[in-house]
Amino acid sequence: MAKVAFIGLGVMGYPMAGYLKSKGGHAVTVYNRTTAKAQKWVEEHGGDYAETPAKAAEGADFVFACVGNDDDLRSVTTGPDGAFATMKPGSIFVDNTTASAEVARELYQDAKDIGVGFIDAPVSGGQAGAENGVLTVMCGGDEAIFAQAKPAIECFARMVGLMGASGAGQLTKMVNQICIAGLVQGLSEGVHFAQKAGLDVDAVVDVISKGAAGSWQMENRAGTMAKGEFDFGFAVDWMRKDLSIVLDEARNNGARLPVTASVDQYYAQVQGMGGNRWDTSSLVALLNRD
């Protein structure tokens, strides 16, 4: 059993922290900007809550964070009440936020300067993956630090891999989002075409999902796309944030991402339809507009 702090109890962090307590058996202290949510978590899972990231991190062996963006991450680490102010030497900060590789490298160095380990560890699997404890976690950092942190990360994951040096976890998550963006757009067009052709979408998917066109998105989202149901976790606003990070990185490294850039603009149109909180499969709504 380790002493663990978890910062950020959103739709992902809330269940992830729960698995650290229930599956890992760790002593967990949570922090959330909205204190009522932290109190609710403690009522549900036990443990403690703290009023600042610094207080949550005090004496912890591992500090996990799952917050919104680069600025949020800097706030809860190096800000006035940030976790780095109180983390003990030899402890490890595990960042599950989807953020830039730049901020990962920056905070890795800041942590190293105070004798603390840092792993960038963005996750994939969405709200359902978090709630079921079966996330995929892509990590960047030092191998020895990763080896220490891996057993704790595995409390809420089915796959945990070290992808390389600091920042490599975030870069791998960018690859993940690039692939998803293209898949969802292709699936949207397929569902739309099937409907226009008068086909039974469920019957079509039942057949083609067993062949080369099959994917997780097809198995889990084609049917709900056809019904116009878009309430399955990962929101359009979040995807646009992620794709913004991807496209910024591509401008830096020279990668050509024409499909990703197009899909990002399609999501902007979904936002214009009021679909900010619809899930990412809502791309089909653009094609079905009158």
Protein backbone atom coordinates (compact mmCIF):
# COMPACT_ATOMS: atom_id res chain seq x y z
CA MET A 1 0.00 0.00 0.00
CA ALA A 2 1.27 3.44 -0.92
CA LYS A 3 0.22 6.93 0.04
CA VAL A 4 -1.37 8.43 -3.09
CA ALA A 5 -2.76 11.84 -4.03
CA PHE A 6 -5.10 12.32 -6.98
CA ILE A 7 -5.65 15.80 -8.45
CA GLY A 8 -8.66 16.37 -10.69
CA LEU A 9 -11.92 14.46 -10.32
CA GLY A 10 -13.53 14.90 -13.72
CA VAL A 11 -15.32 12.16 -15.63
CA MET A 12 -11.98 10.35 -15.99
CA GLY A 13 -10.20 11.18 -12.74
CA TYR A 14 -13.11 10.37 -10.44
CA PRO A 15 -13.23 6.63 -11.26
CA MET A 16 -9.46 6.39 -11.75
CA ALA A 17 -8.91 7.61 -8.20
CA GLY A 18 -11.54 5.12 -7.06
CA TYR A 19 -9.60 2.20 -8.52
CA LEU A 20 -6.41 3.32 -6.79
CA LYS A 21 -8.34 3.02 -3.53
CA SER A 22 -10.49 -0.08 -4.18
CA LYS A 23 -8.24 -2.20 -6.39
CA GLY A 24 -4.85 -0.96 -5.28
CA GLY A 25 -5.71 -0.65 -1.62
CA HIS A 26 -3.79 2.61 -1.46
CA ALA A 27 -4.39 5.42 1.01
CA VAL A 28 -5.79 8.09 -1.32
CA THR A 29 -6.19 11.82 -0.75
CA VAL A 30 -8.02 13.71 -3.49
CA TYR A 31 -8.13 17.32 -4.60
CA ASN A 32 -10.64 18.96 -6.93
CA ARG A 33 -11.30 22.63 -7.70
CA THR A 34 -14.90 22.04 -6.64
CA THR A 35 -14.57 20.86 -3.06
CA ALA A 36 -18.06 19.36 -3.04
CA LYS A 37 -16.97 16.82 -5.63
CA ALA A 38 -13.95 15.84 -3.56
CA GLN A 39 -16.21 15.43 -0.54
CA LYS A 40 -18.58 13.26 -2.58
CA TRP A 41 -15.67 11.07 -3.67
CA VAL A 42 -14.58 10.58 -0.05
CA GLU A 43 -18.13 9.70 0.97
CA GLU A 44 -18.22 7.08 -1.77
CA HIS A 45 -14.72 5.65 -1.52
CA GLY A 46 -13.24 6.65 1.83
CA GLY A 47 -9.84 8.28 2.06
CA ASP A 48 -9.38 12.02 2.51
CA TYR A 49 -9.63 15.23 0.55
CA ALA A 50 -7.41 18.31 0.61
CA GLU A 51 -8.08 21.96 -0.10
CA THR A 52 -5.04 22.48 -2.36
CA PRO A 53 -2.84 20.29 -4.57
CA ALA A 54 0.07 21.04 -2.23
CA LYS A 55 -1.79 19.72 0.79
CA ALA A 56 -2.94 16.64 -1.12
CA ALA A 57 0.62 15.85 -2.23
CA GLU A 58 2.24 16.29 1.17
CA GLY A 59 3.93 13.03 2.15
CA ALA A 60 2.57 11.13 -0.88
CA ASP A 61 4.55 8.40 -2.63
CA PHE A 62 2.65 8.99 -5.88
CA VAL A 63 0.74 12.03 -7.07
CA PHE A 64 -1.62 11.52 -10.00
CA ALA A 65 -3.24 14.34 -11.97
CA CYS A 66 -5.93 14.38 -14.64
CA VAL A 67 -6.82 18.00 -15.41
CA GLY A 68 -7.82 20.04 -18.44
CA ASN A 69 -4.85 21.47 -20.32
CA ASP A 70 -1.25 22.73 -20.09
CA ASP A 71 -2.13 25.77 -18.00
CA ASP A 72 -4.23 23.71 -15.58
CA LEU A 73 -1.35 21.28 -15.24
CA ARG A 74 1.16 24.02 -14.49
CA SER A 75 -1.26 25.44 -11.92
CA VAL A 76 -1.53 22.19 -9.95
CA THR A 77 2.21 21.46 -10.10
CA THR A 78 4.30 24.63 -10.04
CA GLY A 79 1.61 27.16 -9.09
CA PRO A 80 1.49 28.84 -5.65
CA ASP A 81 -0.36 25.88 -4.12
CA GLY A 82 1.05 23.30 -6.52
CA ALA A 83 2.03 19.76 -5.67
CA PHE A 84 5.74 20.28 -6.38
CA ALA A 85 5.95 22.56 -3.34
CA THR A 86 5.35 19.69 -0.92
CA MET A 87 6.27 16.47 -2.74
CA LYS A 88 8.98 14.56 -0.93
CA PRO A 89 12.25 13.56 -2.64
CA GLY A 90 11.92 10.19 -4.33
CA SER A 91 8.17 10.49 -4.87
CA ILE A 92 6.66 10.32 -8.37
CA PHE A 93 4.21 12.55 -10.22
CA VAL A 94 2.09 10.72 -12.81
CA ASP A 95 0.31 13.04 -15.23
CA ASN A 96 -2.74 11.47 -16.89
CA THR A 97 -3.77 14.75 -18.53
CA THR A 98 -3.77 14.90 -22.32
CA ALA A 99 -1.40 17.83 -22.74
CA SER A 100 1.49 18.93 -24.95
CA ALA A 101 4.81 17.14 -25.13
CA GLU A 102 6.40 20.52 -24.41
CA VAL A 103 4.78 20.86 -20.98
CA ALA A 104 5.65 17.25 -20.19
CA ARG A 105 9.33 17.90 -20.81
CA GLU A 106 9.16 21.17 -18.89
CA LEU A 107 7.61 19.58 -15.80
CA TYR A 108 9.89 16.55 -16.04
CA GLN A 109 12.86 18.90 -15.62
CA ASP A 110 11.17 20.90 -12.85
CA ALA A 111 10.46 17.67 -10.98
CA LYS A 112 13.99 16.39 -11.50
CA ASP A 113 15.39 19.61 -10.05
CA ILE A 114 13.62 18.90 -6.75
CA GLY A 115 14.39 15.18 -6.68
CA VAL A 116 10.95 14.03 -7.84
CA GLY A 117 10.14 11.62 -10.68
CA PHE A 118 7.75 12.63 -13.47
CA ILE A 119 5.88 10.42 -15.93
CA ASP A 120 3.63 11.80 -18.67
CA ALA A 121 0.90 9.18 -18.90
CA PRO A 122 -2.11 10.23 -20.99
CA VAL A 123 -4.92 7.69 -21.25
CA SER A 124 -7.23 6.31 -23.91
CA GLY A 125 -10.50 4.48 -23.46
CA GLY A 126 -12.89 7.29 -22.63
CA GLN A 127 -15.31 7.53 -19.76
CA ALA A 128 -16.34 3.89 -20.07
CA GLY A 129 -12.72 2.77 -19.92
CA ALA A 130 -12.15 4.83 -16.79
CA GLU A 131 -15.31 3.57 -15.10
CA ASN A 132 -14.41 -0.05 -15.88
CA GLY A 133 -10.73 0.30 -15.00
CA VAL A 134 -9.54 -0.77 -18.46
CA LEU A 135 -7.74 2.31 -19.80
CA THR A 136 -4.73 2.24 -22.10
CA VAL A 137 -1.90 4.35 -20.67
CA MET A 138 0.95 5.69 -22.83
CA CYS A 139 3.94 6.77 -20.77
CA GLY A 140 7.04 8.88 -21.24
CA GLY A 141 9.93 9.24 -18.81
CA ASP A 142 12.81 7.41 -17.20
CA GLU A 143 12.64 3.62 -17.23
CA ALA A 144 13.44 3.23 -13.54
CA ILE A 145 10.76 5.74 -12.51
CA PHE A 146 8.25 4.08 -14.82
CA ALA A 147 8.97 0.69 -13.27
CA GLN A 148 8.15 2.09 -9.83
CA ALA A 149 4.95 3.77 -11.00
CA LYS A 150 3.60 1.00 -13.24
CA PRO A 151 1.95 -1.14 -10.51
CA ALA A 152 -0.04 1.86 -9.28
CA ILE A 153 -1.03 2.88 -12.83
CA GLU A 154 -2.22 -0.66 -13.51
CA CYS A 155 -4.96 -0.21 -10.92
CA PHE A 156 -7.10 1.54 -13.56
CA ALA A 157 -5.57 0.17 -16.79
CA ARG A 158 -5.44 -2.94 -18.92
CA MET A 159 -2.43 -1.75 -20.93
CA VAL A 160 0.47 0.36 -19.68
CA GLY A 161 3.51 0.98 -21.86
CA LEU A 162 6.67 3.09 -21.73
CA MET A 163 6.96 4.75 -25.13
CA GLY A 164 10.26 6.56 -24.63
CA ALA A 165 11.74 9.59 -22.93
CA SER A 166 9.75 12.43 -21.38
CA GLY A 167 7.06 13.63 -23.78
CA ALA A 168 6.79 10.31 -25.63
CA GLY A 169 3.57 9.44 -23.83
CA GLN A 170 1.93 12.65 -25.02
CA LEU A 171 3.23 12.15 -28.56
CA THR A 172 1.78 8.62 -28.59
CA LYS A 173 -1.58 9.96 -27.42
CA MET A 174 -1.45 12.38 -30.36
CA VAL A 175 -1.03 9.41 -32.72
CA ASN A 176 -4.02 7.80 -31.00
CA GLN A 177 -6.19 10.87 -31.60
CA ILE A 178 -5.06 11.20 -35.22
CA CYS A 179 -6.16 7.61 -35.87
CA ILE A 180 -9.48 8.03 -34.07
CA ALA A 181 -10.33 11.24 -35.93
CA GLY A 182 -9.98 9.57 -39.32
CA LEU A 183 -11.79 6.42 -38.21
CA VAL A 184 -14.80 8.29 -36.86
CA GLN A 185 -15.14 10.41 -39.99
CA GLY A 186 -14.92 7.33 -42.22
CA LEU A 187 -17.46 5.48 -40.10
CA SER A 188 -19.79 8.50 -40.15
CA GLU A 189 -19.69 8.58 -43.92
CA GLY A 190 -20.29 4.83 -44.10
CA VAL A 191 -23.32 5.00 -41.79
CA HIS A 192 -24.68 8.02 -43.69
CA PHE A 193 -24.24 6.26 -47.03
CA ALA A 194 -25.95 3.09 -45.76
CA GLN A 195 -28.93 5.10 -44.57
CA LYS A 196 -29.22 6.98 -47.86
CA ALA A 197 -29.01 3.67 -49.73
CA GLY A 198 -31.88 2.26 -47.70
CA LEU A 199 -29.80 -0.41 -46.00
CA ASP A 200 -30.25 -1.80 -42.48
CA VAL A 201 -27.26 -0.23 -40.71
CA ASP A 202 -27.14 -2.86 -37.97
CA ALA A 203 -27.15 -5.67 -40.53
CA VAL A 204 -24.42 -3.96 -42.57
CA VAL A 205 -22.22 -3.44 -39.53
CA ASP A 206 -22.77 -7.02 -38.35
CA VAL A 207 -21.26 -8.24 -41.61
CA ILE A 208 -18.50 -5.75 -42.38
CA SER A 209 -17.26 -5.49 -38.78
CA LYS A 210 -15.95 -9.06 -39.15
CA GLY A 211 -13.77 -8.04 -42.09
CA ALA A 212 -11.06 -5.51 -42.84
CA ALA A 213 -13.32 -2.53 -42.04
CA GLY A 214 -13.88 -3.62 -38.45
CA SER A 215 -12.84 -1.39 -35.55
CA TRP A 216 -13.75 -0.57 -31.97
CA GLN A 217 -15.55 2.52 -33.22
CA MET A 218 -17.64 0.46 -35.62
CA GLU A 219 -18.56 -2.12 -32.99
CA ASN A 220 -19.48 0.46 -30.37
CA ARG A 221 -20.67 3.56 -32.22
CA ALA A 222 -22.17 2.69 -35.60
CA GLY A 223 -25.54 1.72 -34.11
CA THR A 224 -25.80 4.82 -31.96
CA MET A 225 -24.67 7.03 -34.84
CA ALA A 226 -27.57 5.64 -36.90
CA LYS A 227 -29.97 6.52 -34.07
CA GLY A 228 -28.54 10.02 -33.58
CA GLU A 229 -27.46 9.25 -30.01
CA PHE A 230 -24.36 11.16 -28.96
CA ASP A 231 -24.14 10.83 -25.18
CA PHE A 232 -21.22 8.47 -24.71
CA GLY A 233 -18.53 10.30 -22.81
CA PHE A 234 -15.72 11.92 -24.81
CA ALA A 235 -17.05 15.34 -25.78
CA VAL A 236 -16.43 17.27 -28.99
CA ASP A 237 -14.91 20.14 -26.96
CA TRP A 238 -12.30 17.75 -25.55
CA MET A 239 -11.52 16.26 -28.93
CA ARG A 240 -10.95 19.73 -30.39
CA LYS A 241 -8.57 20.48 -27.53
CA ASP A 242 -6.66 17.29 -28.29
CA LEU A 243 -6.57 17.95 -32.04
CA SER A 244 -5.31 21.46 -31.39
CA ILE A 245 -2.36 19.93 -29.53
CA VAL A 246 -1.82 17.48 -32.40
CA LEU A 247 -1.86 20.17 -35.08
CA ASP A 248 0.47 22.43 -33.09
CA GLU A 249 2.96 19.57 -32.76
CA ALA A 250 2.63 18.77 -36.47
CA ARG A 251 3.52 22.36 -37.34
CA ASN A 252 6.65 21.95 -35.23
CA ASN A 253 7.79 18.58 -36.56
CA GLY A 254 6.66 18.96 -40.18
CA ALA A 255 4.12 16.14 -40.19
CA ARG A 256 1.40 16.40 -42.84
CA LEU A 257 -2.06 15.75 -41.41
CA PRO A 258 -4.64 16.74 -44.04
CA VAL A 259 -7.38 14.38 -42.79
CA THR A 260 -6.87 15.36 -39.16
CA ALA A 261 -7.02 19.06 -40.01
CA SER A 262 -10.23 18.52 -41.98
CA VAL A 263 -11.86 16.51 -39.18
CA ASP A 264 -10.92 19.22 -36.69
CA GLN A 265 -12.89 21.70 -38.80
CA TYR A 266 -15.82 19.30 -39.03
CA TYR A 267 -15.86 19.19 -35.23
CA ALA A 268 -15.85 23.00 -35.24
CA GLN A 269 -19.03 22.82 -37.32
CA VAL A 270 -20.54 20.37 -34.82
CA GLN A 271 -19.81 22.93 -32.11
CA GLY A 272 -21.61 25.49 -34.27
CA MET A 273 -24.64 23.19 -34.20
CA GLY A 274 -24.59 23.29 -30.39
CA GLY A 275 -22.90 19.89 -30.10
CA ASN A 276 -20.07 20.90 -27.79
CA ARG A 277 -20.94 18.20 -25.28
CA TRP A 278 -21.99 15.56 -27.80
CA ASP A 279 -19.53 12.71 -28.05
CA THR A 280 -17.08 12.40 -30.94
CA SER A 281 -19.35 10.12 -32.99
CA SER A 282 -21.54 13.16 -33.65
CA LEU A 283 -19.62 13.84 -36.86
CA VAL A 284 -22.43 11.97 -38.57
CA ALA A 285 -24.84 14.76 -37.55
CA LEU A 286 -23.10 17.07 -40.04
CA LEU A 287 -23.79 14.68 -42.87
CA ASN A 288 -27.43 14.23 -41.84
CA ARG A 289 -28.25 17.94 -41.68
CA ASP A 290 -31.18 19.01 -43.82
